[in-house]
N, C-alpha and C. Protein backbone atom coordinates (compact mmCIF):
# COMPACT_ATOMS: atom_id res chain seq x y z
N MET A 1 -14.57 3.38 -8.41
CA MET A 1 -14.53 1.81 -8.74
C MET A 1 -14.07 1.22 -7.49
N ASP A 2 -14.71 0.15 -7.17
CA ASP A 2 -14.24 -0.85 -6.21
C ASP A 2 -13.01 -1.53 -6.43
N VAL A 3 -12.35 -2.06 -5.36
CA VAL A 3 -11.05 -2.66 -5.56
C VAL A 3 -11.09 -3.94 -6.74
N PRO A 4 -11.99 -4.82 -6.53
CA PRO A 4 -11.92 -5.77 -7.44
C PRO A 4 -12.07 -5.30 -8.96
N ALA A 5 -12.92 -4.18 -9.16
CA ALA A 5 -13.05 -3.69 -10.51
C ALA A 5 -11.64 -3.01 -10.89
N GLN A 6 -10.94 -2.27 -9.99
CA GLN A 6 -9.66 -1.70 -10.31
C GLN A 6 -8.59 -2.86 -10.74
N ILE A 7 -8.72 -3.97 -9.94
CA ILE A 7 -7.74 -5.05 -10.24
C ILE A 7 -8.11 -5.50 -11.65
N GLN A 8 -9.48 -5.83 -12.02
CA GLN A 8 -9.70 -6.25 -13.12
C GLN A 8 -9.25 -5.48 -14.33
N ALA A 9 -9.42 -4.17 -14.12
CA ALA A 9 -9.13 -3.33 -15.19
C ALA A 9 -7.51 -3.17 -15.56
N TYR A 10 -6.84 -3.27 -14.23
CA TYR A 10 -5.43 -3.21 -14.28
C TYR A 10 -4.88 -4.50 -15.13
N PHE A 11 -5.31 -5.63 -14.53
CA PHE A 11 -4.84 -6.88 -15.53
C PHE A 11 -5.49 -7.05 -16.69
N ASP A 12 -6.43 -6.59 -17.01
CA ASP A 12 -7.19 -6.63 -18.35
C ASP A 12 -6.28 -5.75 -19.34
N ALA A 13 -5.76 -4.36 -18.78
CA ALA A 13 -4.83 -3.78 -19.58
C ALA A 13 -3.38 -4.13 -20.02
N GLN A 14 -2.96 -5.19 -19.26
CA GLN A 14 -1.80 -5.90 -19.71
C GLN A 14 -1.79 -6.55 -20.98
N PRO A 15 -0.71 -6.64 -21.64
CA PRO A 15 -0.84 -7.40 -23.01
C PRO A 15 -0.47 -9.05 -22.59
N GLU A 16 -0.94 -9.63 -23.56
CA GLU A 16 -0.75 -11.36 -23.22
C GLU A 16 0.72 -11.55 -23.56
N PRO A 17 1.27 -12.53 -22.98
CA PRO A 17 0.68 -13.35 -21.84
C PRO A 17 0.77 -13.02 -20.65
N LYS A 18 1.13 -11.70 -20.41
CA LYS A 18 1.43 -11.30 -18.82
C LYS A 18 -0.04 -11.15 -18.35
N ARG A 19 -1.05 -10.62 -19.12
CA ARG A 19 -2.41 -10.55 -18.45
C ARG A 19 -2.85 -12.07 -17.81
N ALA A 20 -2.75 -13.10 -18.86
CA ALA A 20 -3.08 -14.38 -18.27
C ALA A 20 -2.30 -14.94 -16.94
N GLU A 21 -0.99 -14.60 -17.11
CA GLU A 21 0.01 -15.06 -15.95
C GLU A 21 -0.63 -14.23 -14.68
N LEU A 22 -0.81 -12.83 -14.76
CA LEU A 22 -1.32 -12.21 -13.52
C LEU A 22 -2.57 -12.84 -12.87
N TRP A 23 -3.48 -13.15 -13.88
CA TRP A 23 -4.77 -13.90 -13.40
C TRP A 23 -4.43 -15.04 -12.77
N GLU A 24 -3.67 -15.77 -13.54
CA GLU A 24 -3.24 -17.11 -12.63
C GLU A 24 -2.70 -17.06 -11.46
N LEU A 25 -1.78 -15.95 -11.27
CA LEU A 25 -1.09 -15.71 -9.92
C LEU A 25 -2.25 -15.24 -8.81
N HIS A 26 -3.15 -14.27 -9.45
CA HIS A 26 -4.04 -13.98 -8.46
C HIS A 26 -5.13 -15.16 -8.12
N ARG A 27 -5.68 -15.91 -8.88
CA ARG A 27 -6.29 -17.06 -8.48
C ARG A 27 -5.52 -17.75 -7.45
N ALA A 28 -4.21 -18.00 -7.69
CA ALA A 28 -3.42 -18.93 -6.74
C ALA A 28 -3.22 -18.38 -5.44
N ILE A 29 -3.16 -17.18 -5.43
CA ILE A 29 -2.90 -16.36 -4.18
C ILE A 29 -4.16 -16.43 -3.25
N LEU A 30 -5.45 -16.22 -3.95
CA LEU A 30 -6.62 -16.46 -3.46
C LEU A 30 -6.95 -17.56 -2.98
N ALA A 31 -6.48 -18.58 -3.67
CA ALA A 31 -6.89 -20.00 -3.21
C ALA A 31 -5.94 -20.38 -1.85
N LEU A 32 -4.88 -19.73 -1.71
CA LEU A 32 -4.22 -19.68 -0.35
C LEU A 32 -4.74 -19.07 0.63
N GLN A 33 -5.35 -17.93 0.48
CA GLN A 33 -5.95 -17.19 1.44
C GLN A 33 -7.47 -16.54 0.92
N PRO A 34 -8.43 -17.25 0.82
CA PRO A 34 -9.63 -16.64 0.00
C PRO A 34 -10.17 -15.37 0.73
N ASP A 35 -9.95 -15.19 1.92
CA ASP A 35 -10.54 -14.09 2.55
C ASP A 35 -9.53 -12.96 2.87
N ALA A 36 -8.46 -13.04 1.94
CA ALA A 36 -7.53 -12.03 2.07
C ALA A 36 -8.15 -10.71 1.67
N GLN A 37 -7.61 -9.67 2.40
CA GLN A 37 -8.19 -8.23 2.07
C GLN A 37 -7.22 -7.88 0.85
N LEU A 38 -8.09 -7.42 -0.03
CA LEU A 38 -7.54 -6.91 -1.58
C LEU A 38 -7.23 -5.49 -1.29
N TRP A 39 -6.26 -4.95 -2.16
CA TRP A 39 -5.71 -3.80 -2.26
C TRP A 39 -5.46 -3.42 -3.78
N PHE A 40 -5.63 -2.09 -4.18
CA PHE A 40 -4.97 -1.61 -5.31
C PHE A 40 -4.39 -0.37 -5.16
N LEU A 41 -3.07 -0.34 -5.46
CA LEU A 41 -2.46 1.13 -5.52
C LEU A 41 -2.00 1.50 -6.87
N ASP A 42 -2.37 2.47 -7.21
CA ASP A 42 -2.34 2.95 -8.71
C ASP A 42 -0.86 3.27 -8.94
N GLY A 43 0.00 3.49 -8.06
CA GLY A 43 1.30 3.98 -8.24
C GLY A 43 1.72 5.65 -8.11
N ARG A 44 0.39 6.18 -7.42
CA ARG A 44 0.70 7.61 -7.68
C ARG A 44 0.88 8.06 -6.17
N ASP A 45 1.60 9.10 -5.86
CA ASP A 45 1.82 9.57 -4.64
C ASP A 45 0.50 10.55 -4.21
N ALA A 46 0.62 11.04 -3.14
CA ALA A 46 -0.37 12.17 -2.67
C ALA A 46 -0.59 13.13 -3.51
N THR A 47 0.40 13.58 -4.36
CA THR A 47 0.35 14.90 -5.40
C THR A 47 -0.26 14.34 -6.71
N GLY A 48 -0.33 13.04 -6.74
CA GLY A 48 -0.93 12.53 -8.01
C GLY A 48 0.25 11.99 -9.02
N LYS A 49 1.47 12.37 -8.55
CA LYS A 49 2.70 12.07 -9.42
C LYS A 49 2.93 10.40 -9.30
N VAL A 50 3.07 9.77 -10.47
CA VAL A 50 3.41 8.42 -10.73
C VAL A 50 4.97 8.17 -10.13
N VAL A 51 4.91 7.31 -9.15
CA VAL A 51 6.16 7.07 -8.17
C VAL A 51 6.52 5.55 -8.31
N THR A 52 5.58 4.80 -8.84
CA THR A 52 5.86 3.27 -8.93
C THR A 52 4.88 2.55 -9.78
N ASN A 53 5.11 1.40 -10.20
CA ASN A 53 4.16 0.59 -10.94
C ASN A 53 2.88 0.31 -10.06
N PRO A 54 1.76 0.35 -10.68
CA PRO A 54 0.70 -0.11 -9.97
C PRO A 54 0.75 -1.51 -9.33
N ASN A 55 0.18 -1.82 -8.25
CA ASN A 55 0.15 -3.10 -7.82
C ASN A 55 -1.01 -3.69 -6.91
N VAL A 56 -1.33 -4.85 -6.93
CA VAL A 56 -2.33 -5.51 -6.19
C VAL A 56 -1.86 -6.10 -5.14
N GLY A 57 -2.48 -5.74 -3.79
CA GLY A 57 -1.99 -6.34 -2.55
C GLY A 57 -3.06 -7.32 -1.98
N TYR A 58 -2.49 -8.11 -1.05
CA TYR A 58 -3.22 -9.32 -0.54
C TYR A 58 -2.76 -9.41 0.91
N GLY A 59 -4.07 -9.47 1.92
CA GLY A 59 -3.78 -9.56 3.28
C GLY A 59 -3.43 -8.15 3.99
N VAL A 60 -3.29 -8.20 5.17
CA VAL A 60 -3.13 -6.93 5.81
C VAL A 60 -2.11 -7.03 6.97
N ARG A 61 -1.29 -6.18 7.11
CA ARG A 61 -0.27 -5.84 8.17
C ARG A 61 -0.08 -4.55 8.66
N SER A 62 0.40 -4.22 9.81
CA SER A 62 0.94 -2.85 10.18
C SER A 62 2.27 -2.53 9.56
N HIS A 63 2.43 -1.38 9.04
CA HIS A 63 3.56 -0.82 8.47
C HIS A 63 3.82 0.30 8.88
N THR A 64 5.21 0.53 9.45
CA THR A 64 5.56 1.77 10.17
C THR A 64 6.69 2.50 9.21
N ALA A 65 6.36 3.67 8.87
CA ALA A 65 7.30 4.44 8.09
C ALA A 65 7.16 6.00 8.46
N GLY A 66 8.24 6.54 8.54
CA GLY A 66 8.26 8.10 8.81
C GLY A 66 7.42 8.28 10.10
N GLY A 67 7.80 7.39 11.10
CA GLY A 67 7.02 7.56 12.45
C GLY A 67 5.60 7.32 12.58
N LYS A 68 5.09 6.94 11.29
CA LYS A 68 3.46 6.72 11.36
C LYS A 68 3.28 5.12 11.04
N THR A 69 2.21 4.69 11.86
CA THR A 69 1.85 3.29 11.64
C THR A 69 0.61 3.31 10.72
N ARG A 70 0.55 2.15 9.66
CA ARG A 70 -0.70 2.30 8.99
C ARG A 70 -0.89 0.88 8.58
N PRO A 71 -2.09 0.46 8.19
CA PRO A 71 -2.19 -0.87 7.46
C PRO A 71 -1.92 -0.94 6.07
N PHE A 72 -1.21 -2.05 5.65
CA PHE A 72 -0.70 -2.31 4.34
C PHE A 72 -0.66 -3.67 4.06
N TYR A 73 -0.51 -3.85 2.74
CA TYR A 73 -0.49 -5.40 2.45
C TYR A 73 0.61 -6.27 2.82
N ARG A 74 0.26 -7.54 2.82
CA ARG A 74 1.46 -8.56 3.10
C ARG A 74 2.25 -9.10 1.82
N VAL A 75 1.31 -9.10 0.68
CA VAL A 75 1.93 -9.70 -0.51
C VAL A 75 1.39 -8.75 -1.54
N GLY A 76 2.30 -8.17 -2.40
CA GLY A 76 2.04 -7.61 -3.55
C GLY A 76 2.27 -8.15 -4.92
N LEU A 77 1.47 -7.80 -6.01
CA LEU A 77 1.69 -8.34 -7.21
C LEU A 77 1.66 -7.28 -8.17
N SER A 78 2.86 -7.21 -9.13
CA SER A 78 2.77 -6.09 -10.03
C SER A 78 3.41 -6.47 -11.33
N ALA A 79 2.77 -5.85 -12.44
CA ALA A 79 3.48 -5.99 -13.79
C ALA A 79 4.56 -4.90 -13.84
N ASN A 80 5.62 -5.41 -14.61
CA ASN A 80 6.75 -4.44 -14.69
C ASN A 80 7.11 -4.47 -16.36
N THR A 81 7.94 -3.58 -16.81
CA THR A 81 8.20 -3.48 -18.09
C THR A 81 8.96 -5.16 -18.55
N THR A 82 9.59 -5.69 -17.83
CA THR A 82 10.20 -6.96 -18.34
C THR A 82 9.45 -8.15 -17.86
N GLY A 83 8.29 -8.02 -16.87
CA GLY A 83 7.81 -9.14 -16.50
C GLY A 83 6.75 -8.90 -15.35
N ILE A 84 6.93 -9.74 -14.35
CA ILE A 84 6.17 -9.72 -13.09
C ILE A 84 7.00 -9.41 -11.91
N SER A 85 6.44 -8.64 -10.83
CA SER A 85 7.15 -8.66 -9.63
C SER A 85 6.28 -9.09 -8.38
N VAL A 86 6.68 -9.91 -7.57
CA VAL A 86 5.82 -10.15 -6.34
C VAL A 86 6.67 -9.79 -4.99
N TYR A 87 5.92 -9.03 -4.25
CA TYR A 87 6.52 -8.46 -3.17
C TYR A 87 6.05 -9.23 -1.75
N ILE A 88 6.89 -9.45 -0.89
CA ILE A 88 6.74 -10.20 0.34
C ILE A 88 7.15 -9.19 1.46
N MET A 89 6.11 -8.50 1.95
CA MET A 89 6.41 -7.43 2.98
C MET A 89 6.57 -7.93 4.34
N GLY A 90 7.37 -7.18 5.12
CA GLY A 90 7.34 -7.29 6.41
C GLY A 90 8.45 -8.17 6.99
N LEU A 91 9.44 -8.58 6.05
CA LEU A 91 10.40 -9.57 6.36
C LEU A 91 11.59 -8.82 7.18
N ASP A 92 11.99 -9.31 8.35
CA ASP A 92 12.88 -8.33 9.16
C ASP A 92 14.22 -8.95 8.57
N ASP A 93 14.51 -10.08 8.04
CA ASP A 93 15.75 -10.37 7.49
C ASP A 93 15.64 -10.42 6.07
N LYS A 94 16.52 -9.41 5.40
CA LYS A 94 16.28 -9.09 4.00
C LYS A 94 17.22 -10.17 3.17
N THR A 95 17.72 -11.07 3.71
CA THR A 95 18.30 -12.35 3.02
C THR A 95 17.56 -13.47 2.99
N HIS A 96 16.60 -13.26 3.69
CA HIS A 96 15.67 -14.57 3.90
C HIS A 96 14.90 -14.94 2.57
N LEU A 97 14.37 -14.35 1.69
CA LEU A 97 13.84 -14.66 0.37
C LEU A 97 14.92 -15.42 -0.46
N ALA A 98 16.11 -14.89 -0.60
CA ALA A 98 17.15 -15.40 -1.34
C ALA A 98 17.47 -16.72 -0.87
N ARG A 99 17.76 -16.67 0.52
CA ARG A 99 18.49 -17.88 1.11
C ARG A 99 17.30 -19.00 1.16
N THR A 100 16.15 -18.73 1.29
CA THR A 100 15.09 -19.85 1.42
C THR A 100 14.66 -20.24 0.34
N TYR A 101 14.50 -19.32 -0.68
CA TYR A 101 13.75 -19.71 -2.25
C TYR A 101 14.59 -19.40 -3.29
N GLY A 102 15.66 -18.73 -3.23
CA GLY A 102 16.35 -18.38 -4.49
C GLY A 102 16.97 -19.38 -5.23
N ALA A 103 17.53 -20.52 -4.51
CA ALA A 103 18.19 -21.63 -5.51
C ALA A 103 17.22 -22.45 -6.08
N ASP A 104 15.89 -22.53 -5.61
CA ASP A 104 14.98 -23.49 -6.15
C ASP A 104 13.93 -22.76 -7.02
N LEU A 105 14.05 -21.42 -7.10
CA LEU A 105 12.82 -20.56 -7.68
C LEU A 105 12.93 -20.63 -9.25
N GLY A 106 14.14 -20.84 -9.67
CA GLY A 106 14.34 -20.68 -11.06
C GLY A 106 14.89 -19.48 -11.60
N LYS A 107 14.68 -18.98 -12.77
CA LYS A 107 15.18 -17.61 -13.19
C LYS A 107 14.40 -16.61 -12.84
N ALA A 108 14.75 -16.01 -11.68
CA ALA A 108 14.29 -14.85 -10.98
C ALA A 108 15.23 -14.15 -10.11
N LYS A 109 15.02 -12.74 -10.28
CA LYS A 109 15.97 -12.00 -9.31
C LYS A 109 15.23 -11.79 -7.90
N VAL A 110 15.88 -12.23 -6.93
CA VAL A 110 15.27 -12.13 -5.61
C VAL A 110 16.06 -11.13 -4.90
N THR A 111 15.41 -10.01 -4.28
CA THR A 111 16.05 -8.88 -3.34
C THR A 111 15.43 -9.18 -1.91
N GLY A 112 15.70 -8.17 -1.31
CA GLY A 112 15.22 -8.22 0.08
C GLY A 112 13.83 -8.53 0.19
N TYR A 113 12.85 -7.97 -0.47
CA TYR A 113 11.54 -8.39 -0.40
C TYR A 113 10.71 -8.55 -1.70
N CYS A 114 11.54 -8.65 -2.83
CA CYS A 114 10.96 -8.69 -4.14
C CYS A 114 11.58 -9.93 -4.97
N ILE A 115 10.50 -10.64 -5.61
CA ILE A 115 10.91 -11.75 -6.50
C ILE A 115 10.52 -11.28 -7.99
N LYS A 116 11.49 -10.95 -8.86
CA LYS A 116 11.00 -10.60 -10.13
C LYS A 116 11.29 -11.55 -11.23
N PHE A 117 10.60 -11.84 -12.08
CA PHE A 117 10.79 -12.91 -13.08
C PHE A 117 9.99 -12.47 -14.46
N LYS A 118 10.50 -12.91 -15.53
CA LYS A 118 10.09 -12.61 -16.83
C LYS A 118 8.63 -13.14 -16.90
N ASN A 119 8.57 -14.51 -16.55
CA ASN A 119 7.13 -15.12 -17.01
C ASN A 119 7.24 -16.35 -15.99
N LEU A 120 5.76 -16.92 -16.05
CA LEU A 120 5.85 -18.23 -15.31
C LEU A 120 6.46 -19.45 -15.79
N LYS A 121 6.93 -19.42 -17.08
CA LYS A 121 7.55 -20.54 -17.55
C LYS A 121 9.20 -20.55 -16.95
N THR A 122 9.51 -19.47 -16.66
CA THR A 122 11.05 -19.32 -16.08
C THR A 122 11.16 -19.60 -14.74
N ILE A 123 10.05 -19.94 -14.00
CA ILE A 123 10.28 -20.21 -12.45
C ILE A 123 9.65 -21.39 -12.04
N HIS A 124 9.74 -21.78 -10.97
CA HIS A 124 8.94 -22.98 -10.44
C HIS A 124 7.90 -22.52 -9.65
N LEU A 125 6.88 -22.44 -10.05
CA LEU A 125 5.59 -21.92 -9.39
C LEU A 125 5.37 -22.39 -8.17
N PRO A 126 5.57 -23.64 -7.63
CA PRO A 126 5.35 -24.21 -6.17
C PRO A 126 6.35 -23.37 -5.15
N VAL A 127 7.48 -23.30 -5.80
CA VAL A 127 8.41 -22.44 -4.91
C VAL A 127 7.84 -21.10 -4.55
N LEU A 128 7.44 -20.41 -5.62
CA LEU A 128 6.98 -19.02 -5.67
C LEU A 128 5.73 -19.01 -4.69
N MET A 129 4.96 -19.94 -4.83
CA MET A 129 3.69 -20.09 -3.85
C MET A 129 4.09 -20.32 -2.46
N ALA A 130 5.17 -21.05 -2.20
CA ALA A 130 5.58 -21.28 -0.99
C ALA A 130 6.08 -19.81 -0.18
N ALA A 131 6.76 -18.98 -1.04
CA ALA A 131 7.08 -17.75 -0.50
C ALA A 131 6.01 -16.84 -0.28
N ILE A 132 5.05 -16.92 -1.36
CA ILE A 132 3.76 -16.16 -0.99
C ILE A 132 3.06 -16.49 0.11
N GLY A 133 2.76 -17.97 0.31
CA GLY A 133 2.17 -18.36 1.62
C GLY A 133 2.72 -18.00 2.77
N GLU A 134 4.11 -17.86 2.87
CA GLU A 134 4.89 -17.50 3.87
C GLU A 134 4.60 -16.23 4.28
N GLY A 135 4.60 -15.30 3.16
CA GLY A 135 4.19 -13.78 3.26
C GLY A 135 2.67 -13.80 3.75
N LEU A 136 1.81 -14.52 3.22
CA LEU A 136 0.47 -14.22 4.00
C LEU A 136 0.22 -14.84 5.34
N GLY A 137 1.34 -15.64 5.78
CA GLY A 137 1.20 -16.16 6.99
C GLY A 137 0.37 -17.45 6.82
N THR A 138 0.24 -18.23 5.69
CA THR A 138 -0.45 -19.38 5.66
C THR A 138 0.58 -20.47 5.47
N GLY A 139 1.95 -20.12 5.08
CA GLY A 139 2.91 -21.27 4.77
C GLY A 139 3.65 -21.79 5.99
């Protein structure tokens, strides 16, 4: 299955209203960067063990871990048990997201590279999109 089909299946498997919100965010991210490379990670490690929630990635950057450098996404989108997580990868300053966007974001938990929220009604979407735009290098 190709990446767009994997994304479709992943989003469509989510309950409403989370499904609609994932699609809304997906369209908004692609509006920021229509040519972004798309990724789908099913959450399994090399042995097939589930180690994380599946996630959709946008864009590409170099990522170094364990002495190896490989391509990886710039922004990630994932459903979780309590809502939605957005990952902004490659930030050197782990306080940047909270300092720059946290006060204006609304009801969200902001960590070094993750913005987690229950649903789109609880956050200020333009602020989230500004953080995503920065992550994609378009902001």
